[in-house]
Amino acid sequence: MSIWKRKRAKAVETIISVLSEYSGISSARIMSTQRTSAVAHWRAVAAYIAHEHFSCSLTEVGVALSRDHTTVLHSVRKIAKMRDRDEEAKSELDTLVALCLDKAGWMDGDNFVNALAAFNVLDARQRQKFLAEIASGVAE
């Protein structure tokens, strides 16, 4: 297994841990087969963060969560739609993404993948400002 696959596999564990602390729902319940709305919601959030912000494939996320890749795809789309429609949900999700990236050690900026993951946390306006600063040589 490549170092990136191991790092992404570890990322899913980290995401589940952060979401467990944040939601008050145990990691075991998030990973379980329970289909209650609260548990399913946090499982979907984990799938979204892993796929969209840690570059895990749908299959990798599915294996980590004991779900089929199509179930993961449905979860990712569901959370993305929720994020697009609800500003409060977007803000909460951005906070969770930052917490997950930080706890996983992906916010240190040591390499391009870390920088890209951090860049994904920014909203469109912040991204444009950051890119303009890079273009002008101001960004560190």
N, C-alpha and C. Protein backbone atom coordinates (compact mmCIF):
# COMPACT_ATOMS: atom_id res chain seq x y z
N MET A 1 0.84 -1.17 0.00
CA MET A 1 0.00 0.00 0.00
C MET A 1 0.89 1.24 0.00
N SER A 2 0.57 2.19 -0.89
CA SER A 2 1.39 3.41 -0.98
C SER A 2 1.20 4.28 0.26
N ILE A 3 2.14 5.17 0.45
CA ILE A 3 2.07 6.07 1.60
C ILE A 3 0.82 6.95 1.54
N TRP A 4 0.41 7.36 0.32
CA TRP A 4 -0.78 8.20 0.20
C TRP A 4 -2.04 7.42 0.53
N LYS A 5 -2.10 6.15 0.14
CA LYS A 5 -3.27 5.34 0.50
C LYS A 5 -3.35 5.16 2.01
N ARG A 6 -2.20 4.92 2.64
CA ARG A 6 -2.20 4.78 4.10
C ARG A 6 -2.60 6.08 4.77
N LYS A 7 -2.12 7.20 4.24
CA LYS A 7 -2.45 8.50 4.81
C LYS A 7 -3.94 8.79 4.66
N ARG A 8 -4.51 8.45 3.51
CA ARG A 8 -5.95 8.67 3.30
C ARG A 8 -6.77 7.74 4.18
N ALA A 9 -6.32 6.50 4.35
CA ALA A 9 -7.04 5.56 5.22
C ALA A 9 -7.04 6.06 6.65
N LYS A 10 -5.92 6.58 7.09
CA LYS A 10 -5.81 7.15 8.43
C LYS A 10 -6.68 8.40 8.54
N ALA A 11 -6.82 9.13 7.44
CA ALA A 11 -7.64 10.35 7.44
C ALA A 11 -9.09 10.04 7.77
N VAL A 12 -9.63 8.95 7.25
CA VAL A 12 -11.02 8.60 7.54
C VAL A 12 -11.19 8.34 9.03
N GLU A 13 -10.24 7.66 9.64
CA GLU A 13 -10.29 7.43 11.09
C GLU A 13 -10.28 8.76 11.84
N THR A 14 -9.43 9.67 11.39
CA THR A 14 -9.34 10.99 12.02
C THR A 14 -10.64 11.76 11.87
N ILE A 15 -11.22 11.72 10.68
CA ILE A 15 -12.49 12.41 10.42
C ILE A 15 -13.57 11.88 11.36
N ILE A 16 -13.67 10.55 11.46
CA ILE A 16 -14.67 9.94 12.34
C ILE A 16 -14.43 10.38 13.78
N SER A 17 -13.19 10.44 14.20
CA SER A 17 -12.86 10.86 15.56
C SER A 17 -13.30 12.31 15.82
N VAL A 18 -13.00 13.20 14.88
CA VAL A 18 -13.38 14.61 15.03
C VAL A 18 -14.90 14.75 15.06
N LEU A 19 -15.58 14.07 14.15
CA LEU A 19 -17.04 14.15 14.10
C LEU A 19 -17.67 13.57 15.36
N SER A 20 -17.07 12.53 15.89
CA SER A 20 -17.56 11.93 17.13
C SER A 20 -17.47 12.93 18.28
N GLU A 21 -16.32 13.57 18.40
CA GLU A 21 -16.14 14.57 19.45
C GLU A 21 -17.12 15.73 19.28
N TYR A 22 -17.30 16.17 18.05
CA TYR A 22 -18.15 17.32 17.76
C TYR A 22 -19.62 17.01 17.98
N SER A 23 -20.06 15.84 17.55
CA SER A 23 -21.49 15.50 17.59
C SER A 23 -21.93 14.84 18.89
N GLY A 24 -20.97 14.26 19.61
CA GLY A 24 -21.33 13.52 20.82
C GLY A 24 -21.80 12.11 20.53
N ILE A 25 -21.71 11.69 19.29
CA ILE A 25 -22.06 10.32 18.89
C ILE A 25 -20.77 9.53 18.78
N SER A 26 -20.72 8.37 19.40
CA SER A 26 -19.47 7.62 19.43
C SER A 26 -19.02 7.21 18.02
N SER A 27 -17.72 7.04 17.90
CA SER A 27 -17.16 6.58 16.62
C SER A 27 -17.76 5.25 16.22
N ALA A 28 -17.96 4.38 17.19
CA ALA A 28 -18.53 3.06 16.90
C ALA A 28 -19.92 3.18 16.30
N ARG A 29 -20.72 4.12 16.81
CA ARG A 29 -22.07 4.30 16.26
C ARG A 29 -22.02 4.89 14.86
N ILE A 30 -21.10 5.83 14.62
CA ILE A 30 -20.98 6.41 13.28
C ILE A 30 -20.57 5.33 12.28
N MET A 31 -19.71 4.42 12.71
CA MET A 31 -19.23 3.35 11.85
C MET A 31 -20.22 2.17 11.77
N SER A 32 -21.24 2.17 12.61
CA SER A 32 -22.16 1.04 12.69
C SER A 32 -23.12 1.01 11.51
N THR A 33 -24.00 0.03 11.53
CA THR A 33 -25.01 -0.10 10.48
C THR A 33 -26.30 0.62 10.85
N GLN A 34 -26.31 1.33 11.99
CA GLN A 34 -27.50 2.07 12.40
C GLN A 34 -27.91 3.07 11.32
N ARG A 35 -29.22 3.19 11.13
CA ARG A 35 -29.71 4.09 10.10
C ARG A 35 -30.55 5.23 10.68
N THR A 36 -30.41 5.49 11.96
CA THR A 36 -31.13 6.62 12.54
C THR A 36 -30.62 7.89 11.87
N SER A 37 -31.47 8.90 11.80
CA SER A 37 -31.11 10.10 11.03
C SER A 37 -29.84 10.78 11.56
N ALA A 38 -29.68 10.84 12.87
CA ALA A 38 -28.49 11.50 13.42
C ALA A 38 -27.21 10.75 13.04
N VAL A 39 -27.23 9.45 13.21
CA VAL A 39 -26.04 8.64 12.89
C VAL A 39 -25.76 8.68 11.39
N ALA A 40 -26.80 8.52 10.59
CA ALA A 40 -26.62 8.53 9.13
C ALA A 40 -26.11 9.89 8.65
N HIS A 41 -26.58 10.96 9.28
CA HIS A 41 -26.12 12.30 8.89
C HIS A 41 -24.62 12.44 9.11
N TRP A 42 -24.14 12.05 10.30
CA TRP A 42 -22.71 12.21 10.59
C TRP A 42 -21.85 11.27 9.75
N ARG A 43 -22.38 10.12 9.40
CA ARG A 43 -21.68 9.21 8.50
C ARG A 43 -21.55 9.85 7.12
N ALA A 44 -22.64 10.51 6.68
CA ALA A 44 -22.62 11.19 5.38
C ALA A 44 -21.62 12.36 5.39
N VAL A 45 -21.57 13.09 6.49
CA VAL A 45 -20.61 14.19 6.61
C VAL A 45 -19.18 13.63 6.53
N ALA A 46 -18.94 12.52 7.19
CA ALA A 46 -17.61 11.89 7.14
C ALA A 46 -17.26 11.51 5.70
N ALA A 47 -18.20 10.94 4.99
CA ALA A 47 -17.97 10.55 3.60
C ALA A 47 -17.65 11.77 2.74
N TYR A 48 -18.42 12.83 2.94
CA TYR A 48 -18.21 14.07 2.17
C TYR A 48 -16.81 14.64 2.42
N ILE A 49 -16.45 14.77 3.69
CA ILE A 49 -15.13 15.35 4.01
C ILE A 49 -14.00 14.48 3.46
N ALA A 50 -14.12 13.17 3.64
CA ALA A 50 -13.07 12.26 3.16
C ALA A 50 -12.90 12.35 1.64
N HIS A 51 -14.02 12.38 0.94
CA HIS A 51 -13.94 12.39 -0.52
C HIS A 51 -13.55 13.76 -1.07
N GLU A 52 -14.20 14.80 -0.59
CA GLU A 52 -13.99 16.13 -1.15
C GLU A 52 -12.73 16.84 -0.66
N HIS A 53 -12.31 16.57 0.56
CA HIS A 53 -11.21 17.35 1.13
C HIS A 53 -9.95 16.54 1.42
N PHE A 54 -10.06 15.21 1.40
CA PHE A 54 -8.89 14.36 1.63
C PHE A 54 -8.57 13.52 0.39
N SER A 55 -9.29 13.78 -0.69
CA SER A 55 -9.05 13.10 -1.98
C SER A 55 -9.16 11.59 -1.91
N CYS A 56 -9.97 11.09 -1.00
CA CYS A 56 -10.21 9.64 -0.93
C CYS A 56 -11.19 9.26 -2.03
N SER A 57 -10.96 8.15 -2.67
CA SER A 57 -11.90 7.70 -3.68
C SER A 57 -13.19 7.23 -3.01
N LEU A 58 -14.25 7.14 -3.78
CA LEU A 58 -15.52 6.64 -3.25
C LEU A 58 -15.35 5.23 -2.69
N THR A 59 -14.56 4.42 -3.38
CA THR A 59 -14.32 3.05 -2.93
C THR A 59 -13.55 3.04 -1.61
N GLU A 60 -12.52 3.88 -1.49
CA GLU A 60 -11.75 3.95 -0.24
C GLU A 60 -12.65 4.35 0.93
N VAL A 61 -13.49 5.35 0.70
CA VAL A 61 -14.40 5.79 1.76
C VAL A 61 -15.38 4.67 2.08
N GLY A 62 -15.89 4.02 1.06
CA GLY A 62 -16.83 2.92 1.26
C GLY A 62 -16.23 1.80 2.08
N VAL A 63 -15.01 1.44 1.78
CA VAL A 63 -14.33 0.38 2.54
C VAL A 63 -14.17 0.81 4.00
N ALA A 64 -13.73 2.05 4.21
CA ALA A 64 -13.51 2.55 5.57
C ALA A 64 -14.81 2.60 6.39
N LEU A 65 -15.92 2.92 5.72
CA LEU A 65 -17.20 3.04 6.41
C LEU A 65 -18.08 1.80 6.27
N SER A 66 -17.54 0.75 5.66
CA SER A 66 -18.29 -0.49 5.41
C SER A 66 -19.56 -0.22 4.61
N ARG A 67 -19.40 0.58 3.56
CA ARG A 67 -20.51 0.92 2.69
C ARG A 67 -20.08 0.72 1.24
N ASP A 68 -21.06 0.59 0.36
CA ASP A 68 -20.83 0.50 -1.07
C ASP A 68 -20.46 1.89 -1.60
N HIS A 69 -19.67 1.94 -2.67
CA HIS A 69 -19.26 3.24 -3.21
C HIS A 69 -20.45 4.08 -3.68
N THR A 70 -21.53 3.43 -4.12
CA THR A 70 -22.70 4.19 -4.57
C THR A 70 -23.42 4.84 -3.38
N THR A 71 -23.38 4.20 -2.23
CA THR A 71 -23.94 4.78 -1.02
C THR A 71 -23.12 6.00 -0.62
N VAL A 72 -21.81 5.88 -0.74
CA VAL A 72 -20.92 7.00 -0.44
C VAL A 72 -21.20 8.16 -1.40
N LEU A 73 -21.36 7.86 -2.68
CA LEU A 73 -21.66 8.89 -3.67
C LEU A 73 -22.95 9.62 -3.30
N HIS A 74 -23.97 8.88 -2.91
CA HIS A 74 -25.25 9.49 -2.50
C HIS A 74 -25.01 10.42 -1.30
N SER A 75 -24.23 9.97 -0.34
CA SER A 75 -23.93 10.78 0.85
C SER A 75 -23.20 12.06 0.48
N VAL A 76 -22.20 11.94 -0.37
CA VAL A 76 -21.41 13.11 -0.79
C VAL A 76 -22.31 14.12 -1.48
N ARG A 77 -23.15 13.66 -2.38
CA ARG A 77 -24.05 14.56 -3.09
C ARG A 77 -25.06 15.21 -2.14
N LYS A 78 -25.57 14.44 -1.20
CA LYS A 78 -26.54 14.95 -0.23
C LYS A 78 -25.95 16.08 0.60
N ILE A 79 -24.75 15.87 1.12
CA ILE A 79 -24.10 16.89 1.96
C ILE A 79 -23.71 18.11 1.11
N ALA A 80 -23.25 17.89 -0.11
CA ALA A 80 -22.90 19.01 -0.99
C ALA A 80 -24.13 19.86 -1.28
N LYS A 81 -25.25 19.23 -1.53
CA LYS A 81 -26.50 19.96 -1.78
C LYS A 81 -26.91 20.75 -0.53
N MET A 82 -26.81 20.12 0.63
CA MET A 82 -27.15 20.78 1.88
C MET A 82 -26.24 22.00 2.08
N ARG A 83 -24.96 21.82 1.79
CA ARG A 83 -23.99 22.91 1.95
C ARG A 83 -24.31 24.07 1.02
N ASP A 84 -24.72 23.77 -0.20
CA ASP A 84 -25.03 24.82 -1.17
C ASP A 84 -26.29 25.60 -0.80
N ARG A 85 -27.23 24.94 -0.15
CA ARG A 85 -28.52 25.57 0.16
C ARG A 85 -28.57 26.29 1.50
N ASP A 86 -27.73 25.91 2.44
CA ASP A 86 -27.85 26.41 3.80
C ASP A 86 -26.53 27.03 4.26
N GLU A 87 -26.53 28.34 4.44
CA GLU A 87 -25.31 29.06 4.81
C GLU A 87 -24.78 28.62 6.18
N GLU A 88 -25.68 28.34 7.10
CA GLU A 88 -25.27 27.89 8.44
C GLU A 88 -24.60 26.51 8.35
N ALA A 89 -25.16 25.62 7.53
CA ALA A 89 -24.57 24.30 7.34
C ALA A 89 -23.21 24.42 6.68
N LYS A 90 -23.07 25.35 5.73
CA LYS A 90 -21.79 25.57 5.05
C LYS A 90 -20.73 26.00 6.06
N SER A 91 -21.10 26.92 6.93
CA SER A 91 -20.17 27.42 7.94
C SER A 91 -19.75 26.30 8.89
N GLU A 92 -20.71 25.50 9.34
CA GLU A 92 -20.40 24.39 10.24
C GLU A 92 -19.52 23.36 9.54
N LEU A 93 -19.82 23.08 8.30
CA LEU A 93 -19.04 22.11 7.54
C LEU A 93 -17.61 22.61 7.32
N ASP A 94 -17.46 23.89 7.02
CA ASP A 94 -16.12 24.46 6.85
C ASP A 94 -15.31 24.34 8.14
N THR A 95 -15.96 24.57 9.27
CA THR A 95 -15.29 24.42 10.57
C THR A 95 -14.85 22.99 10.78
N LEU A 96 -15.75 22.05 10.48
CA LEU A 96 -15.42 20.62 10.64
C LEU A 96 -14.28 20.20 9.72
N VAL A 97 -14.30 20.69 8.50
CA VAL A 97 -13.23 20.37 7.55
C VAL A 97 -11.89 20.87 8.09
N ALA A 98 -11.88 22.11 8.58
CA ALA A 98 -10.64 22.68 9.13
C ALA A 98 -10.16 21.87 10.33
N LEU A 99 -11.08 21.47 11.21
CA LEU A 99 -10.71 20.64 12.36
C LEU A 99 -10.11 19.31 11.92
N CYS A 100 -10.74 18.70 10.93
CA CYS A 100 -10.26 17.40 10.43
C CYS A 100 -8.88 17.53 9.78
N LEU A 101 -8.72 18.55 8.94
CA LEU A 101 -7.43 18.76 8.28
C LEU A 101 -6.34 19.03 9.30
N ASP A 102 -6.67 19.82 10.31
CA ASP A 102 -5.69 20.14 11.34
C ASP A 102 -5.32 18.90 12.15
N LYS A 103 -6.32 18.14 12.60
CA LYS A 103 -6.05 16.96 13.41
C LYS A 103 -5.28 15.90 12.61
N ALA A 104 -5.54 15.82 11.32
CA ALA A 104 -4.84 14.85 10.47
C ALA A 104 -3.43 15.32 10.11
N GLY A 105 -3.11 16.56 10.45
CA GLY A 105 -1.79 17.09 10.15
C GLY A 105 -1.62 17.52 8.70
N TRP A 106 -2.73 17.82 8.04
CA TRP A 106 -2.68 18.22 6.63
C TRP A 106 -2.67 19.72 6.45
N MET A 107 -2.62 20.49 7.53
CA MET A 107 -2.66 21.95 7.42
C MET A 107 -1.28 22.57 7.59
N ASP A 108 -0.22 21.77 7.60
CA ASP A 108 1.11 22.31 7.86
C ASP A 108 1.76 22.97 6.65
N GLY A 109 1.23 22.75 5.46
CA GLY A 109 1.73 23.41 4.27
C GLY A 109 3.05 22.87 3.77
N ASP A 110 3.47 21.68 4.23
CA ASP A 110 4.77 21.14 3.82
C ASP A 110 4.82 20.70 2.37
N ASN A 111 3.68 20.39 1.80
CA ASN A 111 3.71 19.96 0.40
C ASN A 111 2.45 20.40 -0.33
N PHE A 112 2.42 20.17 -1.61
CA PHE A 112 1.33 20.63 -2.46
C PHE A 112 -0.01 20.04 -2.05
N VAL A 113 -0.05 18.77 -1.68
CA VAL A 113 -1.31 18.13 -1.31
C VAL A 113 -1.89 18.80 -0.06
N ASN A 114 -1.04 19.09 0.91
CA ASN A 114 -1.51 19.79 2.11
C ASN A 114 -2.05 21.17 1.75
N ALA A 115 -1.33 21.88 0.90
CA ALA A 115 -1.77 23.22 0.50
C ALA A 115 -3.09 23.14 -0.25
N LEU A 116 -3.23 22.13 -1.12
CA LEU A 116 -4.46 21.97 -1.87
C LEU A 116 -5.63 21.65 -0.93
N ALA A 117 -5.41 20.80 0.05
CA ALA A 117 -6.47 20.47 1.00
C ALA A 117 -6.87 21.72 1.78
N ALA A 118 -5.92 22.53 2.20
CA ALA A 118 -6.23 23.76 2.92
C ALA A 118 -6.96 24.74 2.00
N PHE A 119 -6.55 24.80 0.73
CA PHE A 119 -7.17 25.68 -0.25
C PHE A 119 -8.64 25.34 -0.42
N ASN A 120 -8.98 24.06 -0.37
CA ASN A 120 -10.37 23.63 -0.54
C ASN A 120 -11.28 24.13 0.56
N VAL A 121 -10.74 24.50 1.71
CA VAL A 121 -11.54 25.01 2.82
C VAL A 121 -12.00 26.44 2.55
N LEU A 122 -11.26 27.17 1.73
CA LEU A 122 -11.58 28.57 1.46
C LEU A 122 -12.83 28.69 0.59
N ASP A 123 -13.59 29.77 0.81
CA ASP A 123 -14.72 30.01 -0.08
C ASP A 123 -14.20 30.66 -1.37
N ALA A 124 -15.07 30.85 -2.34
CA ALA A 124 -14.64 31.32 -3.66
C ALA A 124 -13.94 32.67 -3.59
N ARG A 125 -14.44 33.60 -2.79
CA ARG A 125 -13.83 34.92 -2.68
C ARG A 125 -12.43 34.82 -2.08
N GLN A 126 -12.29 34.00 -1.02
CA GLN A 126 -10.99 33.83 -0.39
C GLN A 126 -9.99 33.18 -1.34
N ARG A 127 -10.48 32.22 -2.16
CA ARG A 127 -9.61 31.56 -3.14
C ARG A 127 -9.08 32.57 -4.15
N GLN A 128 -9.98 33.44 -4.66
CA GLN A 128 -9.56 34.44 -5.64
C GLN A 128 -8.51 35.37 -5.05
N LYS A 129 -8.72 35.80 -3.81
CA LYS A 129 -7.76 36.68 -3.15
C LYS A 129 -6.41 35.98 -2.99
N PHE A 130 -6.45 34.72 -2.55
CA PHE A 130 -5.22 33.96 -2.36
C PHE A 130 -4.46 33.80 -3.67
N LEU A 131 -5.18 33.44 -4.74
CA LEU A 131 -4.54 33.27 -6.05
C LEU A 131 -3.97 34.59 -6.57
N ALA A 132 -4.67 35.69 -6.31
CA ALA A 132 -4.17 37.00 -6.74
C ALA A 132 -2.88 37.35 -5.98
N GLU A 133 -2.84 37.02 -4.69
CA GLU A 133 -1.63 37.27 -3.90
C GLU A 133 -0.46 36.42 -4.40
N ILE A 134 -0.73 35.17 -4.76
CA ILE A 134 0.32 34.32 -5.30
C ILE A 134 0.84 34.91 -6.62
N ALA A 135 -0.09 35.33 -7.48
CA ALA A 135 0.29 35.89 -8.78
C ALA A 135 1.14 37.14 -8.63
N SER A 136 0.86 37.92 -7.58
CA SER A 136 1.62 39.16 -7.39
C SER A 136 2.87 38.95 -6.55
N GLY A 137 3.07 37.71 -6.05
CA GLY A 137 4.25 37.39 -5.28
C GLY A 137 4.18 37.79 -3.81
N VAL A 138 2.97 38.15 -3.33
CA VAL A 138 2.81 38.61 -1.96
C VAL A 138 2.61 37.44 -0.99
N ALA A 139 1.97 36.38 -1.44
CA ALA A 139 1.64 35.26 -0.56
C ALA A 139 2.90 34.52 -0.12
N GLU A 140 2.88 34.05 1.11
CA GLU A 140 4.04 33.31 1.64
C GLU A 140 3.90 31.85 1.36
